[in-house]
Amino acid sequence: MYVGTLSFDLLLGDVHSLKEKRSVVRPIVAELQRKYAVSAAEVDHMNLHRRAVIGLAMVSGDAAHLTDVLDRCERLVAARPEVELLSVRRRFHGEDD
């Protein structure tokens, strides 16, 4: 069994309220969940208007499949024009851990 996690630190564009922030972050989380069957949520900077951290996790029996899905998730978030991807933190836990 392999477990992979990603943490995206995002700078949001023209956002002036927490309501506007939710309207940017929620569709990203929903698309990650729908397209890639990962667990995803906003996990940090909840009270800041222009910052967000989205975390996601996935479990797989195949390391190559897990790596491929995590790569696709990273490309999806990086391609969103309404956010600037400041950093990505990736963790991979395999059978040797």
PDB file of N, CA and C in Angstrom:
ATOM      1  N   MET A   1       0.848  -1.180   0.000  1.00  0.00           N
ATOM      2  CA  MET A   1       0.000   0.000   0.000  1.00  0.00           C
ATOM      3  C   MET A   1       0.891   1.241   0.000  1.00  0.00           C
ATOM      4  N   TYR A   2       0.498   2.220  -0.778  1.00  0.00           N
ATOM      5  CA  TYR A   2       1.222   3.481  -0.881  1.00  0.00           C
ATOM      6  C   TYR A   2       0.252   4.630  -0.599  1.00  0.00           C
ATOM      7  N   VAL A   3       0.743   5.615   0.136  1.00  0.00           N
ATOM      8  CA  VAL A   3      -0.050   6.801   0.455  1.00  0.00           C
ATOM      9  C   VAL A   3       0.728   8.021  -0.013  1.00  0.00           C
ATOM     10  N   GLY A   4       0.075   8.884  -0.777  1.00  0.00           N
ATOM     11  CA  GLY A   4       0.701  10.112  -1.244  1.00  0.00           C
ATOM     12  C   GLY A   4      -0.110  11.309  -0.815  1.00  0.00           C
ATOM     13  N   THR A   5       0.594  12.378  -0.446  1.00  0.00           N
ATOM     14  CA  THR A   5      -0.091  13.616  -0.079  1.00  0.00           C
ATOM     15  C   THR A   5       0.546  14.781  -0.814  1.00  0.00           C
ATOM     16  N   LEU A   6      -0.268  15.775  -1.080  1.00  0.00           N
ATOM     17  CA  LEU A   6       0.194  17.039  -1.649  1.00  0.00           C
ATOM     18  C   LEU A   6      -0.385  18.169  -0.816  1.00  0.00           C
ATOM     19  N   SER A   7       0.395  19.215  -0.665  1.00  0.00           N
ATOM     20  CA  SER A   7      -0.066  20.423   0.008  1.00  0.00           C
ATOM     21  C   SER A   7       0.273  21.597  -0.904  1.00  0.00           C
ATOM     22  N   PHE A   8      -0.749  22.310  -1.350  1.00  0.00           N
ATOM     23  CA  PHE A   8      -0.583  23.441  -2.258  1.00  0.00           C
ATOM     24  C   PHE A   8      -0.731  24.740  -1.474  1.00  0.00           C
ATOM     25  N   ASP A   9       0.283  25.581  -1.507  1.00  0.00           N
ATOM     26  CA  ASP A   9       0.209  26.916  -0.904  1.00  0.00           C
ATOM     27  C   ASP A   9      -0.145  27.880  -2.032  1.00  0.00           C
ATOM     28  N   LEU A  10      -1.304  28.524  -1.919  1.00  0.00           N
ATOM     29  CA  LEU A  10      -1.827  29.343  -3.006  1.00  0.00           C
ATOM     30  C   LEU A  10      -1.956  30.806  -2.607  1.00  0.00           C
ATOM     31  N   LEU A  11      -1.668  31.675  -3.557  1.00  0.00           N
ATOM     32  CA  LEU A  11      -1.962  33.100  -3.448  1.00  0.00           C
ATOM     33  C   LEU A  11      -3.122  33.364  -4.397  1.00  0.00           C
ATOM     34  N   LEU A  12      -4.213  33.875  -3.852  1.00  0.00           N
ATOM     35  CA  LEU A  12      -5.411  34.109  -4.653  1.00  0.00           C
ATOM     36  C   LEU A  12      -5.351  35.492  -5.287  1.00  0.00           C
ATOM     37  N   GLY A  13      -5.977  35.613  -6.419  1.00  0.00           N
ATOM     38  CA  GLY A  13      -5.961  36.874  -7.165  1.00  0.00           C
ATOM     39  C   GLY A  13      -6.780  37.968  -6.524  1.00  0.00           C
ATOM     40  N   ASP A  14      -7.717  38.509  -7.251  1.00  0.00           N
ATOM     41  CA  ASP A  14      -8.521  39.658  -6.829  1.00  0.00           C
ATOM     42  C   ASP A  14      -9.625  39.205  -5.882  1.00  0.00           C
ATOM     43  N   VAL A  15      -9.262  38.928  -4.631  1.00  0.00           N
ATOM     44  CA  VAL A  15     -10.199  38.438  -3.618  1.00  0.00           C
ATOM     45  C   VAL A  15     -10.206  39.423  -2.457  1.00  0.00           C
ATOM     46  N   HIS A  16     -11.406  39.860  -2.050  1.00  0.00           N
ATOM     47  CA  HIS A  16     -11.513  40.871  -0.996  1.00  0.00           C
ATOM     48  C   HIS A  16     -12.328  40.418   0.211  1.00  0.00           C
ATOM     49  N   SER A  17     -12.806  39.182   0.186  1.00  0.00           N
ATOM     50  CA  SER A  17     -13.594  38.688   1.315  1.00  0.00           C
ATOM     51  C   SER A  17     -13.440  37.177   1.412  1.00  0.00           C
ATOM     52  N   LEU A  18     -13.821  36.635   2.543  1.00  0.00           N
ATOM     53  CA  LEU A  18     -13.780  35.185   2.710  1.00  0.00           C
ATOM     54  C   LEU A  18     -14.802  34.494   1.807  1.00  0.00           C
ATOM     55  N   LYS A  19     -15.892  35.179   1.527  1.00  0.00           N
ATOM     56  CA  LYS A  19     -16.897  34.625   0.617  1.00  0.00           C
ATOM     57  C   LYS A  19     -16.323  34.483  -0.797  1.00  0.00           C
ATOM     58  N   GLU A  20     -15.616  35.494  -1.265  1.00  0.00           N
ATOM     59  CA  GLU A  20     -14.964  35.418  -2.573  1.00  0.00           C
ATOM     60  C   GLU A  20     -13.890  34.331  -2.575  1.00  0.00           C
ATOM     61  N   LYS A  21     -13.185  34.215  -1.464  1.00  0.00           N
ATOM     62  CA  LYS A  21     -12.155  33.181  -1.350  1.00  0.00           C
ATOM     63  C   LYS A  21     -12.778  31.801  -1.524  1.00  0.00           C
ATOM     64  N   ARG A  22     -13.889  31.542  -0.843  1.00  0.00           N
ATOM     65  CA  ARG A  22     -14.568  30.251  -0.967  1.00  0.00           C
ATOM     66  C   ARG A  22     -14.991  29.981  -2.400  1.00  0.00           C
ATOM     67  N   SER A  23     -15.391  31.033  -3.119  1.00  0.00           N
ATOM     68  CA  SER A  23     -15.839  30.849  -4.501  1.00  0.00           C
ATOM     69  C   SER A  23     -14.680  30.485  -5.432  1.00  0.00           C
ATOM     70  N   VAL A  24     -13.446  30.715  -4.999  1.00  0.00           N
ATOM     71  CA  VAL A  24     -12.268  30.319  -5.774  1.00  0.00           C
ATOM     72  C   VAL A  24     -11.778  28.938  -5.334  1.00  0.00           C
ATOM     73  N   VAL A  25     -11.714  28.706  -4.027  1.00  0.00           N
ATOM     74  CA  VAL A  25     -11.107  27.482  -3.491  1.00  0.00           C
ATOM     75  C   VAL A  25     -12.020  26.266  -3.671  1.00  0.00           C
ATOM     76  N   ARG A  26     -13.294  26.416  -3.402  1.00  0.00           N
ATOM     77  CA  ARG A  26     -14.211  25.268  -3.470  1.00  0.00           C
ATOM     78  C   ARG A  26     -14.241  24.584  -4.838  1.00  0.00           C
ATOM     79  N   PRO A  27     -14.292  25.322  -5.947  1.00  0.00           N
ATOM     80  CA  PRO A  27     -14.285  24.642  -7.249  1.00  0.00           C
ATOM     81  C   PRO A  27     -12.982  23.862  -7.517  1.00  0.00           C
ATOM     82  N   ILE A  28     -11.865  24.354  -7.010  1.00  0.00           N
ATOM     83  CA  ILE A  28     -10.601  23.640  -7.191  1.00  0.00           C
ATOM     84  C   ILE A  28     -10.654  22.322  -6.416  1.00  0.00           C
ATOM     85  N   VAL A  29     -11.079  22.386  -5.170  1.00  0.00           N
ATOM     86  CA  VAL A  29     -11.189  21.176  -4.342  1.00  0.00           C
ATOM     87  C   VAL A  29     -12.159  20.184  -4.986  1.00  0.00           C
ATOM     88  N   ALA A  30     -13.308  20.665  -5.433  1.00  0.00           N
ATOM     89  CA  ALA A  30     -14.310  19.796  -6.041  1.00  0.00           C
ATOM     90  C   ALA A  30     -13.792  19.131  -7.313  1.00  0.00           C
ATOM     91  N   GLU A  31     -13.057  19.880  -8.132  1.00  0.00           N
ATOM     92  CA  GLU A  31     -12.526  19.306  -9.372  1.00  0.00           C
ATOM     93  C   GLU A  31     -11.476  18.242  -9.085  1.00  0.00           C
ATOM     94  N   LEU A  32     -10.620  18.479  -8.094  1.00  0.00           N
ATOM     95  CA  LEU A  32      -9.635  17.466  -7.712  1.00  0.00           C
ATOM     96  C   LEU A  32     -10.336  16.182  -7.262  1.00  0.00           C
ATOM     97  N   GLN A  33     -11.358  16.334  -6.440  1.00  0.00           N
ATOM     98  CA  GLN A  33     -12.084  15.166  -5.946  1.00  0.00           C
ATOM     99  C   GLN A  33     -12.796  14.429  -7.079  1.00  0.00           C
ATOM    100  N   ARG A  34     -13.425  15.166  -7.957  1.00  0.00           N
ATOM    101  CA  ARG A  34     -14.208  14.567  -9.031  1.00  0.00           C
ATOM    102  C   ARG A  34     -13.326  13.891 -10.082  1.00  0.00           C
ATOM    103  N   LYS A  35     -12.287  14.588 -10.531  1.00  0.00           N
ATOM    104  CA  LYS A  35     -11.468  14.063 -11.623  1.00  0.00           C
ATOM    105  C   LYS A  35     -10.523  12.956 -11.200  1.00  0.00           C
ATOM    106  N   TYR A  36     -10.020  13.021  -9.959  1.00  0.00           N
ATOM    107  CA  TYR A  36      -8.944  12.108  -9.569  1.00  0.00           C
ATOM    108  C   TYR A  36      -9.272  11.231  -8.365  1.00  0.00           C
ATOM    109  N   ALA A  37     -10.469  11.319  -7.827  1.00  0.00           N
ATOM    110  CA  ALA A  37     -10.897  10.484  -6.697  1.00  0.00           C
ATOM    111  C   ALA A  37      -9.916  10.562  -5.529  1.00  0.00           C
ATOM    112  N   VAL A  38      -9.502  11.780  -5.197  1.00  0.00           N
ATOM    113  CA  VAL A  38      -8.618  12.007  -4.053  1.00  0.00           C
ATOM    114  C   VAL A  38      -9.424  12.666  -2.942  1.00  0.00           C
ATOM    115  N   SER A  39      -8.912  12.580  -1.735  1.00  0.00           N
ATOM    116  CA  SER A  39      -9.486  13.339  -0.629  1.00  0.00           C
ATOM    117  C   SER A  39      -8.817  14.697  -0.622  1.00  0.00           C
ATOM    118  N   ALA A  40      -9.589  15.767  -0.646  1.00  0.00           N
ATOM    119  CA  ALA A  40      -9.025  17.113  -0.721  1.00  0.00           C
ATOM    120  C   ALA A  40      -9.849  18.073   0.125  1.00  0.00           C
ATOM    121  N   ALA A  41      -9.148  19.082   0.688  1.00  0.00           N
ATOM    122  CA  ALA A  41      -9.816  20.091   1.504  1.00  0.00           C
ATOM    123  C   ALA A  41      -8.901  21.289   1.677  1.00  0.00           C
ATOM    124  N   GLU A  42      -9.498  22.435   1.991  1.00  0.00           N
ATOM    125  CA  GLU A  42      -8.716  23.589   2.407  1.00  0.00           C
ATOM    126  C   GLU A  42      -8.265  23.314   3.841  1.00  0.00           C
ATOM    127  N   VAL A  43      -6.963  23.426   4.105  1.00  0.00           N
ATOM    128  CA  VAL A  43      -6.436  22.978   5.396  1.00  0.00           C
ATOM    129  C   VAL A  43      -5.717  24.053   6.200  1.00  0.00           C
ATOM    130  N   ASP A  44      -5.454  25.225   5.635  1.00  0.00           N
ATOM    131  CA  ASP A  44      -4.748  26.263   6.384  1.00  0.00           C
ATOM    132  C   ASP A  44      -5.072  27.635   5.807  1.00  0.00           C
ATOM    133  N   HIS A  45      -4.722  28.674   6.565  1.00  0.00           N
ATOM    134  CA  HIS A  45      -4.978  30.079   6.210  1.00  0.00           C
ATOM    135  C   HIS A  45      -6.473  30.335   6.021  1.00  0.00           C
ATOM    136  N   MET A  46      -7.277  29.739   6.879  1.00  0.00           N
ATOM    137  CA  MET A  46      -8.728  29.838   6.747  1.00  0.00           C
ATOM    138  C   MET A  46      -9.247  31.270   6.879  1.00  0.00           C
ATOM    139  N   ASN A  47      -8.575  32.115   7.656  1.00  0.00           N
ATOM    140  CA  ASN A  47      -9.076  33.470   7.911  1.00  0.00           C
ATOM    141  C   ASN A  47      -8.364  34.540   7.093  1.00  0.00           C
ATOM    142  N   LEU A  48      -7.509  34.148   6.174  1.00  0.00           N
ATOM    143  CA  LEU A  48      -6.832  35.106   5.303  1.00  0.00           C
ATOM    144  C   LEU A  48      -7.540  35.142   3.952  1.00  0.00           C
ATOM    145  N   HIS A  49      -7.788  36.332   3.439  1.00  0.00           N
ATOM    146  CA  HIS A  49      -8.540  36.477   2.187  1.00  0.00           C
ATOM    147  C   HIS A  49      -7.777  35.982   0.973  1.00  0.00           C
ATOM    148  N   ARG A  50      -6.489  36.275   0.892  1.00  0.00           N
ATOM    149  CA  ARG A  50      -5.755  36.020  -0.348  1.00  0.00           C
ATOM    150  C   ARG A  50      -4.829  34.818  -0.288  1.00  0.00           C
ATOM    151  N   ARG A  51      -4.881  34.056   0.788  1.00  0.00           N
ATOM    152  CA  ARG A  51      -4.017  32.872   0.901  1.00  0.00           C
ATOM    153  C   ARG A  51      -4.877  31.651   1.194  1.00  0.00           C
ATOM    154  N   ALA A  52      -4.427  30.506   0.695  1.00  0.00           N
ATOM    155  CA  ALA A  52      -5.117  29.245   0.976  1.00  0.00           C
ATOM    156  C   ALA A  52      -4.104  28.114   0.870  1.00  0.00           C
ATOM    157  N   VAL A  53      -4.319  27.092   1.655  1.00  0.00           N
ATOM    158  CA  VAL A  53      -3.560  25.848   1.522  1.00  0.00           C
ATOM    159  C   VAL A  53      -4.574  24.745   1.292  1.00  0.00           C
ATOM    160  N   ILE A  54      -4.394  24.032   0.191  1.00  0.00           N
ATOM    161  CA  ILE A  54      -5.233  22.883  -0.122  1.00  0.00           C
ATOM    162  C   ILE A  54      -4.387  21.637   0.081  1.00  0.00           C
ATOM    163  N   GLY A  55      -4.913  20.708   0.839  1.00  0.00           N
ATOM    164  CA  GLY A  55      -4.242  19.435   1.056  1.00  0.00           C
ATOM    165  C   GLY A  55      -5.030  18.326   0.400  1.00  0.00           C
ATOM    166  N   LEU A  56      -4.306  17.326  -0.105  1.00  0.00           N
ATOM    167  CA  LEU A  56      -4.982  16.170  -0.671  1.00  0.00           C
ATOM    168  C   LEU A  56      -4.201  14.913  -0.347  1.00  0.00           C
ATOM    169  N   ALA A  57      -4.901  13.797  -0.351  1.00  0.00           N
ATOM    170  CA  ALA A  57      -4.287  12.506  -0.063  1.00  0.00           C
ATOM    171  C   ALA A  57      -4.920  11.444  -0.950  1.00  0.00           C
ATOM    172  N   MET A  58      -4.113  10.419  -1.235  1.00  0.00           N
ATOM    173  CA  MET A  58      -4.593   9.304  -2.046  1.00  0.00           C
ATOM    174  C   MET A  58      -3.891   8.040  -1.598  1.00  0.00           C
ATOM    175  N   VAL A  59      -4.605   6.936  -1.653  1.00  0.00           N
ATOM    176  CA  VAL A  59      -4.059   5.623  -1.337  1.00  0.00           C
ATOM    177  C   VAL A  59      -4.139   4.772  -2.596  1.00  0.00           C
ATOM    178  N   SER A  60      -3.060   4.009  -2.862  1.00  0.00           N
ATOM    179  CA  SER A  60      -3.037   3.151  -4.039  1.00  0.00           C
ATOM    180  C   SER A  60      -2.189   1.912  -3.754  1.00  0.00           C
ATOM    181  N   GLY A  61      -2.466   0.882  -4.466  1.00  0.00           N
ATOM    182  CA  GLY A  61      -1.657  -0.324  -4.376  1.00  0.00           C
ATOM    183  C   GLY A  61      -0.475  -0.297  -5.313  1.00  0.00           C
ATOM    184  N   ASP A  62      -0.415   0.709  -6.181  1.00  0.00           N
ATOM    185  CA  ASP A  62       0.640   0.810  -7.194  1.00  0.00           C
ATOM    186  C   ASP A  62       1.328   2.165  -7.087  1.00  0.00           C
ATOM    187  N   ALA A  63       2.621   2.158  -6.843  1.00  0.00           N
ATOM    188  CA  ALA A  63       3.379   3.403  -6.663  1.00  0.00           C
ATOM    189  C   ALA A  63       3.382   4.250  -7.931  1.00  0.00           C
ATOM    190  N   ALA A  64       3.487   3.630  -9.086  1.00  0.00           N
ATOM    191  CA  ALA A  64       3.526   4.387 -10.340  1.00  0.00           C
ATOM    192  C   ALA A  64       2.195   5.098 -10.588  1.00  0.00           C
ATOM    193  N   HIS A  65       1.097   4.412 -10.311  1.00  0.00           N
ATOM    194  CA  HIS A  65      -0.221   5.035 -10.478  1.00  0.00           C
ATOM    195  C   HIS A  65      -0.380   6.216  -9.525  1.00  0.00           C
ATOM    196  N   LEU A  66       0.048   6.037  -8.291  1.00  0.00           N
ATOM    197  CA  LEU A  66      -0.045   7.109  -7.307  1.00  0.00           C
ATOM    198  C   LEU A  66       0.750   8.324  -7.748  1.00  0.00           C
ATOM    199  N   THR A  67       1.964   8.115  -8.191  1.00  0.00           N
ATOM    200  CA  THR A  67       2.807   9.219  -8.662  1.00  0.00           C
ATOM    201  C   THR A  67       2.172   9.926  -9.849  1.00  0.00           C
ATOM    202  N   ASP A  68       1.597   9.164 -10.781  1.00  0.00           N
ATOM    203  CA  ASP A  68       0.947   9.748 -11.949  1.00  0.00           C
ATOM    204  C   ASP A  68      -0.232  10.632 -11.545  1.00  0.00           C
ATOM    205  N   VAL A  69      -1.067  10.162 -10.635  1.00  0.00           N
ATOM    206  CA  VAL A  69      -2.234  10.941 -10.206  1.00  0.00           C
ATOM    207  C   VAL A  69      -1.793  12.201  -9.469  1.00  0.00           C
ATOM    208  N   LEU A  70      -0.795  12.102  -8.590  1.00  0.00           N
ATOM    209  CA  LEU A  70      -0.309  13.282  -7.879  1.00  0.00           C
ATOM    210  C   LEU A  70       0.265  14.308  -8.857  1.00  0.00           C
ATOM    211  N   ASP A  71       0.979  13.842  -9.876  1.00  0.00           N
ATOM    212  CA  ASP A  71       1.497  14.755 -10.911  1.00  0.00           C
ATOM    213  C   ASP A  71       0.356  15.467 -11.631  1.00  0.00           C
ATOM    214  N   ARG A  72      -0.689  14.737 -11.963  1.00  0.00           N
ATOM    215  CA  ARG A  72      -1.841  15.336 -12.655  1.00  0.00           C
ATOM    216  C   ARG A  72      -2.543  16.367 -11.775  1.00  0.00           C
ATOM    217  N   CYS A  73      -2.672  16.058 -10.488  1.00  0.00           N
ATOM    218  CA  CYS A  73      -3.294  17.005  -9.553  1.00  0.00           C
ATOM    219  C   CYS A  73      -2.476  18.289  -9.471  1.00  0.00           C
ATOM    220  N   GLU A  74      -1.162  18.147  -9.422  1.00  0.00           N
ATOM    221  CA  GLU A  74      -0.292  19.322  -9.350  1.00  0.00           C
ATOM    222  C   GLU A  74      -0.425  20.174 -10.614  1.00  0.00           C
ATOM    223  N   ARG A  75      -0.468  19.540 -11.768  1.00  0.00           N
ATOM    224  CA  ARG A  75      -0.620  20.295 -13.018  1.00  0.00           C
ATOM    225  C   ARG A  75      -1.971  21.002 -13.082  1.00  0.00           C
ATOM    226  N   LEU A  76      -3.024  20.348 -12.585  1.00  0.00           N
ATOM    227  CA  LEU A  76      -4.349  20.960 -12.594  1.00  0.00           C
ATOM    228  C   LEU A  76      -4.356  22.241 -11.771  1.00  0.00           C
ATOM    229  N   VAL A  77      -3.809  22.198 -10.570  1.00  0.00           N
ATOM    230  CA  VAL A  77      -3.810  23.387  -9.704  1.00  0.00           C
ATOM    231  C   VAL A  77      -2.900  24.467 -10.295  1.00  0.00           C
ATOM    232  N   ALA A  78      -1.752  24.084 -10.798  1.00  0.00           N
ATOM    233  CA  ALA A  78      -0.817  25.059 -11.370  1.00  0.00           C
ATOM    234  C   ALA A  78      -1.398  25.766 -12.595  1.00  0.00           C
ATOM    235  N   ALA A  79      -2.299  25.109 -13.314  1.00  0.00           N
ATOM    236  CA  ALA A  79      -2.872  25.681 -14.530  1.00  0.00           C
ATOM    237  C   ALA A  79      -4.043  26.619 -14.263  1.00  0.00           C
ATOM    238  N   ARG A  80      -4.511  26.698 -13.020  1.00  0.00           N
ATOM    239  CA  ARG A  80      -5.650  27.567 -12.715  1.00  0.00           C
ATOM    240  C   ARG A  80      -5.217  29.027 -12.779  1.00  0.00           C
ATOM    241  N   PRO A  81      -5.842  29.836 -13.645  1.00  0.00           N
ATOM    242  CA  PRO A  81      -5.399  31.227 -13.806  1.00  0.00           C
ATOM    243  C   PRO A  81      -5.743  32.135 -12.631  1.00  0.00           C
ATOM    244  N   GLU A  82      -6.723  31.754 -11.809  1.00  0.00           N
ATOM    245  CA  GLU A  82      -7.155  32.623 -10.715  1.00  0.00           C
ATOM    246  C   GLU A  82      -6.307  32.492  -9.461  1.00  0.00           C
ATOM    247  N   VAL A  83      -5.336  31.554  -9.465  1.00  0.00           N
ATOM    248  CA  VAL A  83      -4.456  31.382  -8.308  1.00  0.00           C
ATOM    249  C   VAL A  83      -3.003  31.341  -8.765  1.00  0.00           C
ATOM    250  N   GLU A  84      -2.130  31.732  -7.856  1.00  0.00           N
ATOM    251  CA  GLU A  84      -0.694  31.587  -8.086  1.00  0.00           C
ATOM    252  C   GLU A  84      -0.200  30.508  -7.132  1.00  0.00           C
ATOM    253  N   LEU A  85       0.414  29.482  -7.683  1.00  0.00           N
ATOM    254  CA  LEU A  85       0.922  28.374  -6.883  1.00  0.00           C
ATOM    255  C   LEU A  85       2.276  28.778  -6.314  1.00  0.00           C
ATOM    256  N   LEU A  86       2.320  29.018  -5.000  1.00  0.00           N
ATOM    257  CA  LEU A  86       3.555  29.455  -4.352  1.00  0.00           C
ATOM    258  C   LEU A  86       4.490  28.290  -4.062  1.00  0.00           C
ATOM    259  N   SER A  87       3.930  27.179  -3.597  1.00  0.00           N
ATOM    260  CA  SER A  87       4.754  26.003  -3.324  1.00  0.00           C
ATOM    261  C   SER A  87       3.887  24.760  -3.275  1.00  0.00           C
ATOM    262  N   VAL A  88       4.541  23.633  -3.479  1.00  0.00           N
ATOM    263  CA  VAL A  88       3.894  22.327  -3.384  1.00  0.00           C
ATOM    264  C   VAL A  88       4.767  21.450  -2.509  1.00  0.00           C
ATOM    265  N   ARG A  89       4.138  20.806  -1.549  1.00  0.00           N
ATOM    266  CA  ARG A  89       4.862  19.872  -0.694  1.00  0.00           C
ATOM    267  C   ARG A  89       4.282  18.486  -0.955  1.00  0.00           C
ATOM    268  N   ARG A  90       5.160  17.564  -1.334  1.00  0.00           N
ATOM    269  CA  ARG A  90       4.733  16.207  -1.664  1.00  0.00           C
ATOM    270  C   ARG A  90       5.346  15.235  -0.657  1.00  0.00           C
ATOM    271  N   ARG A  91       4.513  14.331  -0.187  1.00  0.00           N
ATOM    272  CA  ARG A  91       4.989  13.261   0.694  1.00  0.00           C
ATOM    273  C   ARG A  91       4.502  11.941   0.130  1.00  0.00           C
ATOM    274  N   PHE A  92       5.369  10.962   0.230  1.00  0.00           N
ATOM    275  CA  PHE A  92       5.089   9.643  -0.317  1.00  0.00           C
ATOM    276  C   PHE A  92       5.457   8.622   0.752  1.00  0.00           C
ATOM    277  N   HIS A  93       4.502   7.797   1.135  1.00  0.00           N
ATOM    278  CA  HIS A  93       4.733   6.772   2.152  1.00  0.00           C
ATOM    279  C   HIS A  93       4.491   5.411   1.506  1.00  0.00           C
ATOM    280  N   GLY A  94       5.542   4.576   1.539  1.00  0.00           N
ATOM    281  CA  GLY A  94       5.439   3.260   0.925  1.00  0.00           C
ATOM    282  C   GLY A  94       5.521   2.162   1.961  1.00  0.00           C
ATOM    283  N   GLU A  95       5.659   0.958   1.466  1.00  0.00           N
ATOM    284  CA  GLU A  95       5.706  -0.215   2.333  1.00  0.00           C
ATOM    285  C   GLU A  95       6.962  -0.252   3.203  1.00  0.00           C
ATOM    286  N   ASP A  96       7.993   0.466   2.823  1.00  0.00           N
ATOM    287  CA  ASP A  96       9.241   0.462   3.585  1.00  0.00           C
ATOM    288  C   ASP A  96       9.183   1.338   4.814  1.00  0.00           C
ATOM    289  N   ASP A  97       8.183   2.220   4.922  1.00  0.00           N
ATOM    290  CA  ASP A  97       8.081   3.143   6.056  1.00  0.00           C
ATOM    291  C   ASP A  97       7.662   2.421   7.322  1.00  0.00           C
TER     292      ASP A  97
END
